[in-house]
Amino acid sequence: MDVNRVLEFSSDAGVLLLQSGGETYRVEETVTRICSSFGIEKTGVFATPTAVIVSATVDGKISSVVKRITKRSTDLNKVFEINALSRTISQYNFDIAVCEKILAEIEKGNYYSDNRKIFFAGVGTAVLTVLFGGGVPDMFASFFIGCTVKYVTGLFGKISLNDFFINMIGAAIIPTIAILLVKFRFIYTIDKVIMGSIMLLVPGLPLTNAIRDILDGELLSGAMKIEEVLLIGIAVTIGMCFVLNLYIRYGGV
C-alpha cells in the first residue's frame, strides 16, 4: 500500500467536496472513510473552508498532506457523487487507480452547464418575484435580470475577480435593470422585482453550512463561513444601495 498515494487521493476528494459546497463534517468523514478503506486506521483530518490537512500513521511512521483551497462554488451533484464513491470504495475495495480515474471524471463533470445555470437562475428569480406578489411583467423582468446577473457574475468568476466585487457588481446590476425597465414602461414598480432578484445573491448554502458546523462543534469552520456570509451581505448591500441612492437622488420616486 502506497500511503502517500492514498493521502493524495483522499485529500483531493476532500478538496473537491469543499469546493463544491460540502459541509466540513462531510469532508472529514469522507476522507477518513477512504483512508480506512485502503487499510489506514489511524487517520487525522482537519478541514476548513480554505484548507484540508490529512495525516496518517502506518507502522509508526507519520505521513501528511496539506491542500490549499482558493475557490469555492456550489455543485451538489459533485458532493453526492464523491460521497457515493467513498461509500462504494469501503464496500467493494476498489483499486486506487480506478478510484483516481473516477474522481478525475467527477471533477471534470459539467452536469450543471453554464447555460443551464443561467436559465434556472432566471426561473428562480421569476418564481420568487411571483411569490413576493409580483405580476406577469414583473416575473418576466426578474427572469431577464436573473439570467443577466448569473451570466455577468459567472463571467467575472472565470477571470478570478474577487468574490466581494463579483457580488457587489451583481447587486448593482439588479436595480439598474429594474430602473431601466420602469423608465421604458415595461414594469411600473421595482420593489417586487428587486426582492425576487436579490435572492439570487443571498448566501443560503454557506449560511446553512455555517450553522451546521457550529452545532457540530466545528467552531473555526463555522466562524469562517459566518464571516464569508457577512462579507457577501456587505457586498450586496453596497452594490444595491449605491444604485438606489443615485436613482432617488436624481429624480427617482
Protein backbone atom coordinates (compact mmCIF):
# COMPACT_ATOMS: atom_id res chain seq x y z
CA MET A 1 0.00 0.00 0.00
CA ASP A 2 1.30 3.42 -1.04
CA VAL A 3 0.33 5.63 1.90
CA ASN A 4 1.26 8.87 0.14
CA ARG A 5 -0.86 7.95 -2.84
CA VAL A 6 -3.84 7.21 -0.61
CA LEU A 7 -3.39 10.51 1.21
CA GLU A 8 -3.13 12.37 -2.08
CA PHE A 9 -6.31 10.75 -3.40
CA SER A 10 -8.35 11.19 -0.21
CA SER A 11 -7.28 14.82 0.23
CA ASP A 12 -8.17 15.55 -3.41
CA ALA A 13 -11.64 14.14 -2.73
CA GLY A 14 -11.93 16.34 0.37
CA VAL A 15 -10.84 19.46 -1.51
CA LEU A 16 -13.35 18.83 -4.30
CA LEU A 17 -16.08 18.35 -1.70
CA LEU A 18 -15.31 21.69 -0.07
CA GLN A 19 -15.04 23.45 -3.40
CA SER A 20 -18.48 22.12 -4.35
CA GLY A 21 -20.25 23.28 -1.19
CA GLY A 22 -19.84 20.24 1.07
CA GLU A 23 -20.02 20.62 4.84
CA THR A 24 -16.89 20.35 6.98
CA TYR A 25 -18.10 17.25 8.81
CA ARG A 26 -18.85 15.53 5.50
CA VAL A 27 -15.34 16.26 4.23
CA GLU A 28 -13.65 14.87 7.33
CA GLU A 29 -15.94 11.83 7.39
CA THR A 30 -15.37 11.09 3.68
CA VAL A 31 -11.57 11.41 3.86
CA THR A 32 -11.44 9.18 6.96
CA ARG A 33 -13.65 6.57 5.30
CA ILE A 34 -11.48 6.48 2.17
CA CYS A 35 -8.26 6.09 4.17
CA SER A 36 -9.83 3.36 6.28
CA SER A 37 -10.96 1.51 3.14
CA PHE A 38 -7.34 1.32 1.99
CA GLY A 39 -6.13 -0.04 5.33
CA ILE A 40 -5.09 3.16 7.10
CA GLU A 41 -6.72 3.00 10.52
CA LYS A 42 -5.03 5.94 12.25
CA THR A 43 -6.08 8.98 10.26
CA GLY A 44 -6.32 12.62 11.28
CA VAL A 45 -8.32 15.06 9.17
CA PHE A 46 -8.68 18.80 9.69
CA ALA A 47 -10.80 20.72 7.19
CA THR A 48 -11.55 24.43 6.97
CA PRO A 49 -13.06 26.47 4.12
CA THR A 50 -9.52 27.32 2.96
CA ALA A 51 -7.51 24.13 3.56
CA VAL A 52 -7.62 20.37 4.07
CA ILE A 53 -4.95 18.68 6.21
CA VAL A 54 -4.71 14.88 6.32
CA SER A 55 -2.26 12.78 8.31
CA ALA A 56 -1.86 9.01 8.64
CA THR A 57 0.16 6.74 10.87
CA VAL A 58 1.32 3.40 9.43
CA ASP A 59 3.90 1.19 11.19
CA GLY A 60 4.89 4.07 13.44
CA LYS A 61 5.61 6.39 10.51
CA ILE A 62 3.57 9.57 10.16
CA SER A 63 2.73 10.94 6.71
CA SER A 64 0.73 14.07 5.98
CA VAL A 65 -0.53 16.26 3.17
CA VAL A 66 -1.85 19.82 3.08
CA LYS A 67 -4.12 21.08 0.29
CA ARG A 68 -4.96 24.77 -0.13
CA ILE A 69 -8.41 25.82 -1.32
CA THR A 70 -8.64 29.02 -3.32
CA LYS A 71 -12.07 28.78 -4.94
CA ARG A 72 -15.50 27.67 -3.80
CA SER A 73 -18.81 27.22 -5.57
CA THR A 74 -21.97 25.15 -5.29
CA ASP A 75 -22.31 21.84 -7.12
CA LEU A 76 -24.37 19.43 -5.05
CA ASN A 77 -24.18 16.82 -7.80
CA LYS A 78 -20.42 16.51 -7.21
CA VAL A 79 -20.99 16.36 -3.45
CA PHE A 80 -23.37 13.45 -3.96
CA GLU A 81 -21.06 11.61 -6.37
CA ILE A 82 -17.97 11.91 -4.14
CA ASN A 83 -19.94 10.79 -1.10
CA ALA A 84 -21.27 7.82 -3.08
CA LEU A 85 -17.76 6.99 -4.31
CA SER A 86 -16.35 6.90 -0.78
CA ARG A 87 -19.08 4.51 0.35
CA THR A 88 -18.60 2.31 -2.72
CA ILE A 89 -14.86 2.10 -2.03
CA SER A 90 -15.49 0.96 1.54
CA GLN A 91 -17.88 -1.76 0.33
CA TYR A 92 -16.07 -3.15 -2.72
CA ASN A 93 -12.38 -2.33 -2.11
CA PHE A 94 -11.66 -0.77 -5.50
CA ASP A 95 -8.10 -0.43 -6.75
CA ILE A 96 -6.81 3.08 -6.11
CA ALA A 97 -6.01 3.61 -9.79
CA VAL A 98 -9.67 3.03 -10.62
CA CYS A 99 -10.72 5.40 -7.82
CA GLU A 100 -8.40 8.14 -9.09
CA LYS A 101 -9.87 7.81 -12.56
CA ILE A 102 -13.45 8.05 -11.23
CA LEU A 103 -12.58 11.11 -9.14
CA ALA A 104 -11.00 12.80 -12.15
CA GLU A 105 -14.19 12.18 -14.14
CA ILE A 106 -16.29 13.63 -11.32
CA GLU A 107 -14.09 16.73 -11.19
CA LYS A 108 -14.34 17.27 -14.94
CA GLY A 109 -18.09 16.61 -14.93
CA ASN A 110 -20.25 19.50 -16.03
CA TYR A 111 -23.74 18.39 -15.08
CA TYR A 112 -24.69 21.98 -14.36
CA SER A 113 -23.60 23.66 -17.60
CA ASP A 114 -23.30 27.45 -17.80
CA ASN A 115 -26.43 27.76 -19.92
CA ARG A 116 -28.40 25.61 -17.51
CA LYS A 117 -27.23 27.69 -14.55
CA ILE A 118 -28.18 30.92 -16.32
CA PHE A 119 -31.62 29.64 -17.32
CA PHE A 120 -32.55 28.32 -13.89
CA ALA A 121 -31.20 31.44 -12.21
CA GLY A 122 -33.81 33.32 -14.23
CA VAL A 123 -36.50 30.79 -13.37
CA GLY A 124 -35.67 31.02 -9.69
CA THR A 125 -35.82 34.81 -9.55
CA ALA A 126 -39.04 34.85 -11.60
CA VAL A 127 -40.77 32.39 -9.27
CA LEU A 128 -39.64 34.27 -6.17
CA THR A 129 -40.91 37.54 -7.61
CA VAL A 130 -44.35 35.98 -8.08
CA LEU A 131 -44.23 34.65 -4.51
CA PHE A 132 -43.47 38.17 -3.29
CA GLY A 133 -46.60 39.45 -5.05
CA GLY A 134 -45.28 40.46 -8.47
CA GLY A 135 -47.35 40.28 -11.63
CA VAL A 136 -46.63 38.76 -15.03
CA PRO A 137 -44.49 41.70 -16.27
CA ASP A 138 -42.54 41.59 -13.02
CA MET A 139 -41.99 37.87 -13.49
CA PHE A 140 -40.52 38.30 -16.97
CA ALA A 141 -38.41 41.23 -15.77
CA SER A 142 -36.99 39.14 -12.93
CA PHE A 143 -36.28 36.29 -15.32
CA PHE A 144 -34.25 38.61 -17.52
CA ILE A 145 -32.44 40.15 -14.55
CA GLY A 146 -31.65 36.74 -13.03
CA CYS A 147 -30.18 35.47 -16.31
CA THR A 148 -28.15 38.66 -16.75
CA VAL A 149 -26.76 38.64 -13.22
CA LYS A 150 -25.82 34.97 -13.43
CA TYR A 151 -24.10 35.47 -16.78
CA VAL A 152 -22.13 38.53 -15.65
CA THR A 153 -21.08 37.10 -12.28
CA GLY A 154 -20.06 33.86 -13.97
CA LEU A 155 -18.03 35.81 -16.49
CA PHE A 156 -16.17 37.71 -13.79
CA GLY A 157 -15.69 34.48 -11.83
CA LYS A 158 -13.82 32.96 -14.78
CA ILE A 159 -11.28 35.79 -14.71
CA SER A 160 -10.73 35.20 -10.98
CA LEU A 161 -12.16 38.51 -9.79
CA ASN A 162 -12.57 38.70 -6.02
CA ASP A 163 -15.92 37.32 -4.80
CA PHE A 164 -16.62 40.53 -2.87
CA PHE A 165 -16.54 42.62 -6.04
CA ILE A 166 -18.42 39.98 -8.04
CA ASN A 167 -21.33 40.09 -5.59
CA MET A 168 -21.20 43.89 -5.45
CA ILE A 169 -21.38 44.14 -9.25
CA GLY A 170 -24.18 41.58 -9.38
CA ALA A 171 -26.15 43.51 -6.78
CA ALA A 172 -25.68 46.76 -8.70
CA ILE A 173 -26.99 45.20 -11.91
CA ILE A 174 -30.34 44.27 -10.34
CA PRO A 175 -31.69 47.77 -9.55
CA THR A 176 -30.04 49.22 -12.65
CA ILE A 177 -32.02 46.96 -14.99
CA ALA A 178 -35.18 47.30 -12.89
CA ILE A 179 -34.98 51.10 -13.10
CA LEU A 180 -34.45 50.99 -16.87
CA LEU A 181 -37.46 48.69 -17.27
CA VAL A 182 -39.57 51.17 -15.29
CA LYS A 183 -38.36 54.03 -17.49
CA PHE A 184 -39.39 52.08 -20.61
CA ARG A 185 -42.78 51.28 -19.04
CA PHE A 186 -42.30 47.53 -19.12
CA ILE A 187 -42.94 47.41 -15.38
CA TYR A 188 -44.34 50.09 -13.08
CA THR A 189 -42.70 49.33 -9.71
CA ILE A 190 -39.29 47.96 -8.85
CA ASP A 191 -39.79 46.63 -5.33
CA LYS A 192 -41.13 43.16 -6.18
CA VAL A 193 -38.60 42.71 -8.97
CA ILE A 194 -35.69 43.65 -6.73
CA MET A 195 -36.96 41.46 -3.89
CA GLY A 196 -37.17 38.41 -6.12
CA SER A 197 -33.93 39.04 -7.98
CA ILE A 198 -31.77 39.80 -4.94
CA MET A 199 -32.46 36.29 -3.60
CA LEU A 200 -30.10 35.01 -6.29
CA LEU A 201 -27.18 36.53 -4.37
CA VAL A 202 -28.29 35.54 -0.87
CA PRO A 203 -25.67 33.07 0.50
CA GLY A 204 -28.15 30.46 1.69
CA LEU A 205 -25.92 27.39 1.43
CA PRO A 206 -22.88 28.95 3.19
CA LEU A 207 -25.16 30.18 5.98
CA THR A 208 -26.75 26.76 6.39
CA ASN A 209 -23.35 25.05 6.43
CA ALA A 210 -22.03 27.59 8.94
CA ILE A 211 -24.87 26.90 11.35
CA ARG A 212 -24.47 23.15 10.84
CA ASP A 213 -20.72 23.34 11.54
CA ILE A 214 -21.23 25.39 14.70
CA LEU A 215 -23.85 22.99 16.02
CA ASP A 216 -21.48 20.09 15.29
CA GLY A 217 -18.72 21.79 17.29
CA GLU A 218 -16.69 22.86 14.24
CA LEU A 219 -16.35 26.37 15.65
CA LEU A 220 -13.44 27.51 13.48
CA SER A 221 -15.04 26.45 10.19
CA GLY A 222 -18.41 27.78 11.30
CA ALA A 223 -16.96 31.16 12.24
CA MET A 224 -15.08 31.42 8.94
CA LYS A 225 -18.25 30.66 6.97
CA ILE A 226 -20.23 33.20 9.00
CA GLU A 227 -17.58 35.79 8.09
CA GLU A 228 -17.95 34.79 4.43
CA VAL A 229 -21.73 35.25 4.66
CA LEU A 230 -21.31 38.68 6.26
CA LEU A 231 -18.88 39.80 3.56
CA ILE A 232 -21.29 38.69 0.84
CA GLY A 233 -24.09 40.56 2.58
CA ILE A 234 -21.99 43.72 2.82
CA ALA A 235 -21.03 43.49 -0.86
CA VAL A 236 -24.65 43.05 -1.92
CA THR A 237 -25.73 45.96 0.27
CA ILE A 238 -23.06 48.28 -1.16
CA GLY A 239 -23.91 47.44 -4.78
CA MET A 240 -27.66 47.74 -4.24
CA CYS A 241 -27.59 50.92 -2.15
CA PHE A 242 -25.17 52.70 -4.49
CA VAL A 243 -27.52 52.41 -7.46
CA LEU A 244 -30.72 53.08 -5.49
CA ASN A 245 -29.16 56.12 -3.84
CA LEU A 246 -28.29 57.60 -7.25
CA TYR A 247 -31.80 56.79 -8.51
CA ILE A 248 -33.51 58.51 -5.57
CA ARG A 249 -31.12 61.48 -5.56
CA TYR A 250 -31.57 62.23 -9.27
CA GLY A 251 -35.30 62.02 -9.73
CA GLY A 252 -36.41 58.55 -8.69
CA VAL A 253 -39.50 58.02 -6.63
